[in-house]
N, C-alpha and C. Protein backbone atom coordinates (compact mmCIF):
# COMPACT_ATOMS: atom_id res chain seq x y z
N UNK A 1 0.84 -1.18 0.00
CA UNK A 1 0.00 0.00 0.00
C UNK A 1 0.89 1.25 0.00
N UNK A 2 0.63 2.18 -0.87
CA UNK A 2 1.43 3.41 -0.98
C UNK A 2 0.92 4.46 0.00
N UNK A 3 1.87 5.21 0.56
CA UNK A 3 1.57 6.31 1.46
C UNK A 3 2.20 7.59 0.89
N UNK A 4 1.40 8.61 0.71
CA UNK A 4 1.91 9.89 0.23
C UNK A 4 2.31 10.75 1.41
N UNK A 5 3.55 11.27 1.36
CA UNK A 5 4.06 12.15 2.40
C UNK A 5 3.90 13.58 1.91
N UNK A 6 3.17 14.40 2.66
CA UNK A 6 2.92 15.80 2.30
C UNK A 6 3.81 16.72 3.13
N UNK A 7 3.99 17.95 2.65
CA UNK A 7 4.75 18.94 3.41
C UNK A 7 4.00 19.22 4.70
N UNK A 8 4.69 18.98 5.81
CA UNK A 8 4.10 19.21 7.12
C UNK A 8 4.21 20.67 7.51
N UNK A 9 3.27 21.13 8.31
CA UNK A 9 3.33 22.49 8.83
C UNK A 9 4.33 22.48 9.98
N UNK A 10 5.53 23.05 9.75
CA UNK A 10 6.62 22.98 10.71
C UNK A 10 6.66 24.18 11.65
N UNK A 11 5.79 25.13 11.45
CA UNK A 11 5.69 26.31 12.32
C UNK A 11 4.26 26.81 12.30
N UNK A 12 3.88 27.56 13.33
CA UNK A 12 2.50 28.01 13.47
C UNK A 12 2.01 28.84 12.29
N UNK A 13 2.89 29.66 11.72
CA UNK A 13 2.47 30.55 10.64
C UNK A 13 2.94 30.08 9.27
N UNK A 14 3.52 28.89 9.20
CA UNK A 14 4.07 28.39 7.93
C UNK A 14 2.97 28.12 6.92
N UNK A 15 3.11 28.70 5.72
CA UNK A 15 2.17 28.47 4.63
C UNK A 15 2.81 27.75 3.46
N UNK A 16 4.16 27.87 3.34
CA UNK A 16 4.90 27.20 2.29
C UNK A 16 6.33 26.96 2.76
N UNK A 17 7.03 26.11 2.03
CA UNK A 17 8.42 25.82 2.36
C UNK A 17 9.20 25.54 1.09
N UNK A 18 10.51 25.77 1.18
CA UNK A 18 11.41 25.50 0.06
C UNK A 18 12.25 24.28 0.41
N UNK A 19 12.31 23.33 -0.51
CA UNK A 19 13.10 22.13 -0.30
C UNK A 19 14.58 22.50 -0.41
N UNK A 20 15.31 22.37 0.69
CA UNK A 20 16.75 22.64 0.68
C UNK A 20 17.47 21.39 0.18
N UNK A 21 17.08 20.24 0.74
CA UNK A 21 17.68 18.98 0.30
C UNK A 21 16.79 17.80 0.69
N UNK A 22 16.89 16.76 -0.11
CA UNK A 22 16.22 15.49 0.18
C UNK A 22 17.29 14.56 0.74
N UNK A 23 17.02 13.95 1.87
CA UNK A 23 18.00 13.12 2.58
C UNK A 23 17.92 11.64 2.20
N UNK A 24 17.00 11.28 1.33
CA UNK A 24 16.84 9.88 0.91
C UNK A 24 16.74 9.82 -0.61
N UNK A 25 16.84 8.61 -1.15
CA UNK A 25 16.67 8.43 -2.60
C UNK A 25 15.72 7.26 -2.84
N UNK A 26 15.25 7.14 -4.06
CA UNK A 26 14.32 6.07 -4.42
C UNK A 26 14.98 4.73 -4.09
N UNK A 27 14.21 3.88 -3.42
CA UNK A 27 14.70 2.56 -3.02
C UNK A 27 15.16 2.49 -1.57
N UNK A 28 15.41 3.65 -0.94
CA UNK A 28 15.83 3.67 0.47
C UNK A 28 14.68 3.26 1.37
N UNK A 29 15.02 2.59 2.46
CA UNK A 29 14.02 2.27 3.49
C UNK A 29 14.10 3.35 4.56
N UNK A 30 12.94 3.84 4.98
CA UNK A 30 12.88 4.85 6.03
C UNK A 30 11.98 4.36 7.16
N UNK A 31 12.31 4.80 8.36
CA UNK A 31 11.49 4.51 9.54
C UNK A 31 10.76 5.78 9.95
N UNK A 32 9.67 5.61 10.66
CA UNK A 32 8.95 6.76 11.20
C UNK A 32 9.94 7.55 12.06
N UNK A 33 10.02 8.85 11.82
CA UNK A 33 10.92 9.71 12.59
C UNK A 33 12.26 9.98 11.93
N UNK A 34 12.60 9.24 10.86
CA UNK A 34 13.83 9.52 10.11
C UNK A 34 13.73 10.87 9.41
N UNK A 35 14.82 11.61 9.37
CA UNK A 35 14.84 12.89 8.65
C UNK A 35 14.86 12.59 7.15
N UNK A 36 13.88 13.13 6.42
CA UNK A 36 13.79 12.86 4.98
C UNK A 36 14.01 14.11 4.13
N UNK A 37 13.77 15.30 4.68
CA UNK A 37 13.98 16.55 3.96
C UNK A 37 14.50 17.63 4.89
N UNK A 38 15.22 18.59 4.32
CA UNK A 38 15.50 19.85 4.99
C UNK A 38 14.63 20.88 4.28
N UNK A 39 13.86 21.63 5.07
CA UNK A 39 12.90 22.59 4.53
C UNK A 39 13.22 23.97 5.07
N UNK A 40 13.26 24.95 4.16
CA UNK A 40 13.48 26.33 4.57
C UNK A 40 12.15 27.06 4.59
N UNK A 41 11.85 27.69 5.72
CA UNK A 41 10.64 28.51 5.84
C UNK A 41 11.08 29.97 5.84
N UNK A 42 10.14 30.87 6.04
CA UNK A 42 10.50 32.29 6.09
C UNK A 42 11.31 32.63 7.33
N UNK A 43 11.36 31.71 8.31
CA UNK A 43 12.04 31.99 9.57
C UNK A 43 13.26 31.12 9.85
N UNK A 44 13.31 29.90 9.30
CA UNK A 44 14.40 28.98 9.65
C UNK A 44 14.48 27.83 8.66
N UNK A 45 15.59 27.10 8.74
CA UNK A 45 15.73 25.84 8.00
C UNK A 45 15.53 24.71 9.00
N UNK A 46 14.57 23.83 8.70
CA UNK A 46 14.17 22.79 9.64
C UNK A 46 14.25 21.42 8.99
N UNK A 47 14.42 20.40 9.83
CA UNK A 47 14.40 19.02 9.36
C UNK A 47 12.97 18.50 9.39
N UNK A 48 12.57 17.82 8.33
CA UNK A 48 11.24 17.21 8.28
C UNK A 48 11.41 15.71 8.44
N UNK A 49 10.70 15.15 9.42
CA UNK A 49 10.78 13.71 9.69
C UNK A 49 9.66 12.97 8.98
N UNK A 50 9.94 11.71 8.68
CA UNK A 50 8.93 10.87 8.04
C UNK A 50 7.84 10.51 9.05
N UNK A 51 6.57 10.71 8.68
CA UNK A 51 5.48 10.33 9.57
C UNK A 51 5.12 8.85 9.48
N UNK A 52 5.80 8.11 8.58
CA UNK A 52 5.49 6.69 8.38
C UNK A 52 6.76 5.95 7.96
N UNK A 53 6.71 4.62 8.06
CA UNK A 53 7.82 3.78 7.62
C UNK A 53 7.49 3.18 6.26
N UNK A 54 8.54 2.88 5.49
CA UNK A 54 8.34 2.25 4.20
C UNK A 54 9.57 2.41 3.33
N UNK A 55 9.42 2.04 2.06
CA UNK A 55 10.48 2.18 1.07
C UNK A 55 10.11 3.33 0.13
N UNK A 56 11.08 4.20 -0.15
CA UNK A 56 10.83 5.35 -1.02
C UNK A 56 10.56 4.85 -2.43
N UNK A 57 9.34 5.11 -2.91
CA UNK A 57 8.94 4.70 -4.26
C UNK A 57 9.16 5.82 -5.26
N UNK A 58 8.85 7.06 -4.83
CA UNK A 58 8.94 8.20 -5.75
C UNK A 58 9.16 9.48 -4.94
N UNK A 59 10.02 10.37 -5.45
CA UNK A 59 10.22 11.69 -4.86
C UNK A 59 9.60 12.69 -5.82
N UNK A 60 8.66 13.49 -5.31
CA UNK A 60 7.83 14.35 -6.16
C UNK A 60 8.29 15.80 -6.22
N UNK A 61 9.34 16.14 -5.46
CA UNK A 61 9.84 17.52 -5.43
C UNK A 61 11.33 17.54 -5.73
N UNK A 62 11.84 18.71 -6.08
CA UNK A 62 13.27 18.87 -6.35
C UNK A 62 13.86 19.92 -5.42
N UNK A 63 15.16 19.86 -5.21
CA UNK A 63 15.84 20.86 -4.39
C UNK A 63 15.59 22.24 -4.98
N UNK A 64 15.30 23.20 -4.12
CA UNK A 64 15.03 24.56 -4.56
C UNK A 64 13.57 24.85 -4.86
N UNK A 65 12.75 23.82 -4.89
CA UNK A 65 11.32 23.99 -5.20
C UNK A 65 10.57 24.49 -3.97
N UNK A 66 9.71 25.48 -4.16
CA UNK A 66 8.86 26.01 -3.08
C UNK A 66 7.45 25.48 -3.29
N UNK A 67 6.90 24.90 -2.21
CA UNK A 67 5.56 24.31 -2.30
C UNK A 67 4.73 24.71 -1.08
N UNK A 68 3.41 24.72 -1.23
CA UNK A 68 2.53 25.03 -0.10
C UNK A 68 2.45 23.86 0.88
N UNK A 69 2.12 24.17 2.13
CA UNK A 69 1.88 23.15 3.15
C UNK A 69 0.81 22.19 2.62
N UNK A 70 1.00 20.92 2.90
CA UNK A 70 0.10 19.81 2.53
C UNK A 70 0.25 19.35 1.09
N UNK A 71 1.15 19.94 0.30
CA UNK A 71 1.40 19.43 -1.05
C UNK A 71 2.21 18.13 -0.95
N UNK A 72 1.97 17.17 -1.85
CA UNK A 72 2.70 15.90 -1.81
C UNK A 72 4.18 16.08 -2.14
N UNK A 73 5.04 15.34 -1.41
CA UNK A 73 6.48 15.43 -1.59
C UNK A 73 7.12 14.11 -1.96
N UNK A 74 6.54 13.02 -1.46
CA UNK A 74 7.17 11.70 -1.61
C UNK A 74 6.11 10.62 -1.49
N UNK A 75 6.37 9.48 -2.13
CA UNK A 75 5.50 8.32 -2.00
C UNK A 75 6.31 7.18 -1.39
N UNK A 76 5.79 6.61 -0.30
CA UNK A 76 6.40 5.44 0.33
C UNK A 76 5.56 4.21 -0.01
N UNK A 77 6.23 3.08 -0.10
CA UNK A 77 5.54 1.83 -0.40
C UNK A 77 5.70 0.88 0.76
């Protein structure tokens, strides 16, 4: 079963974030709580943890891309 990972709201006023870097690649196994992205907001650069465990099936964003909160970023299998 596939699980879509969306951009989490990492701050109270966060509306969008810029992908600084992706810490995993397609085929990697991740556990809940593993750092999967570095996200830059208007106030800070923060680590985004995986809310679920699985194998990375697809990465839907690229470094430097700015996306709104709740937009899909990755698919886990």
